[in-house]
Amino acid sequence: MAGPIKHKYKKKAMVNFGKSRNRELFYQAELMHYMNTYIGVSGRISQQAATTVVQLTSLLRMHPDFRYHPADRQTQTGQWQYVGQLDEEE
């Protein structure tokens, strides 16, 4: 029997995107586009980092370094923010 799914490459791509945005708010669609076109170590698009809307929503909700900001009355979609440690702070 196989072990639990860890989503190692998806989480790495998420954190890289968050660090590149410097705590700036972003829409989930922006992150999904980044992950589906993520260039891995080999210089090709990573097949392990590609994701779907449902899977990305679940990954963002479980990840402790991402915070959701609900939508107000004008906008219908909430935004996400990376609140983890940036490279400059280490």
Protein backbone atom coordinates (compact mmCIF):
# COMPACT_ATOMS: atom_id res chain seq x y z
CA MET A 1 0.00 0.00 0.00
CA ALA A 2 1.28 3.47 -0.83
CA GLY A 3 1.92 6.09 1.83
CA PRO A 4 0.05 9.34 2.28
CA ILE A 5 0.23 11.99 -0.44
CA LYS A 6 2.62 14.73 0.65
CA HIS A 7 2.38 17.23 -2.26
CA LYS A 8 6.04 18.16 -1.75
CA TYR A 9 6.54 19.86 -5.13
CA LYS A 10 3.19 21.66 -5.03
CA LYS A 11 3.96 23.14 -1.60
CA LYS A 12 7.44 24.19 -2.73
CA ALA A 13 5.98 26.00 -5.76
CA MET A 14 3.37 27.69 -3.53
CA VAL A 15 6.02 29.01 -1.13
CA ASN A 16 8.22 30.21 -4.02
CA PHE A 17 5.27 32.15 -5.42
CA GLY A 18 4.45 33.62 -2.01
CA LYS A 19 8.03 34.75 -1.43
CA SER A 20 8.16 36.35 -4.87
CA ARG A 21 5.04 38.41 -4.06
CA ASN A 22 6.44 39.84 -0.76
CA ARG A 23 3.26 39.62 1.34
CA GLU A 24 1.20 41.17 -1.47
CA LEU A 25 -2.41 40.02 -1.85
CA PHE A 26 -3.09 37.74 -4.81
CA TYR A 27 -5.95 35.81 -6.36
CA GLN A 28 -5.99 32.03 -6.38
CA ALA A 29 -6.07 32.03 -10.20
CA GLU A 30 -2.67 33.78 -10.27
CA LEU A 31 -1.14 31.08 -8.08
CA MET A 32 -2.73 28.32 -10.13
CA HIS A 33 -1.31 29.76 -13.36
CA TYR A 34 2.14 29.99 -11.72
CA MET A 35 1.99 26.38 -10.50
CA ASN A 36 0.76 25.00 -13.83
CA THR A 37 3.66 26.72 -15.63
CA TYR A 38 6.25 26.19 -12.85
CA ILE A 39 9.77 25.56 -14.19
CA GLY A 40 11.52 22.89 -12.14
CA VAL A 41 15.19 22.20 -11.56
CA SER A 42 15.58 20.47 -14.92
CA GLY A 43 14.46 23.60 -16.78
CA ARG A 44 11.17 22.07 -17.95
CA ILE A 45 7.61 22.59 -16.75
CA SER A 46 7.15 20.47 -13.63
CA GLN A 47 4.44 17.83 -13.90
CA GLN A 48 4.37 17.31 -10.13
CA ALA A 49 3.58 20.98 -9.36
CA ALA A 50 0.54 21.21 -11.66
CA THR A 51 -2.77 21.35 -9.81
CA THR A 52 -6.53 21.82 -10.07
CA VAL A 53 -8.79 24.44 -8.48
CA VAL A 54 -10.20 22.06 -5.88
CA GLN A 55 -6.80 20.67 -4.91
CA LEU A 56 -5.20 24.13 -4.71
CA THR A 57 -8.01 25.41 -2.48
CA SER A 58 -7.43 22.53 -0.09
CA LEU A 59 -3.64 23.01 -0.12
CA LEU A 60 -3.95 26.76 0.57
CA ARG A 61 -6.39 26.23 3.44
CA MET A 62 -4.13 23.64 5.11
CA HIS A 63 -0.86 25.55 4.64
CA PRO A 64 0.06 27.64 7.72
CA ASP A 65 1.93 30.31 5.69
CA PHE A 66 -1.09 31.43 3.63
CA ARG A 67 -3.90 33.63 4.92
CA TYR A 68 -7.29 34.20 3.28
CA HIS A 69 -8.82 37.68 3.10
CA PRO A 70 -12.57 37.44 2.37
CA ALA A 71 -14.18 39.50 -0.36
CA ASP A 72 -15.99 42.72 0.40
CA ARG A 73 -19.28 43.76 -1.21
CA GLN A 74 -17.71 45.14 -4.42
CA THR A 75 -15.51 42.17 -5.29
CA GLN A 76 -16.94 38.69 -5.32
CA THR A 77 -13.64 36.86 -4.84
CA GLY A 78 -11.41 36.87 -1.81
CA GLN A 79 -7.65 37.11 -1.96
CA TRP A 80 -4.78 35.18 -0.39
CA GLN A 81 -1.60 36.46 1.23
CA TYR A 82 1.70 34.77 2.03
CA VAL A 83 2.52 35.43 5.69
CA GLY A 84 5.48 33.07 6.07
CA GLN A 85 9.11 34.00 6.46
CA LEU A 86 10.70 35.81 3.51
CA ASP A 87 14.29 35.20 2.38
CA GLU A 88 15.44 38.64 3.60
CA GLU A 89 14.22 37.91 7.15
CA GLU A 90 16.20 34.68 7.60
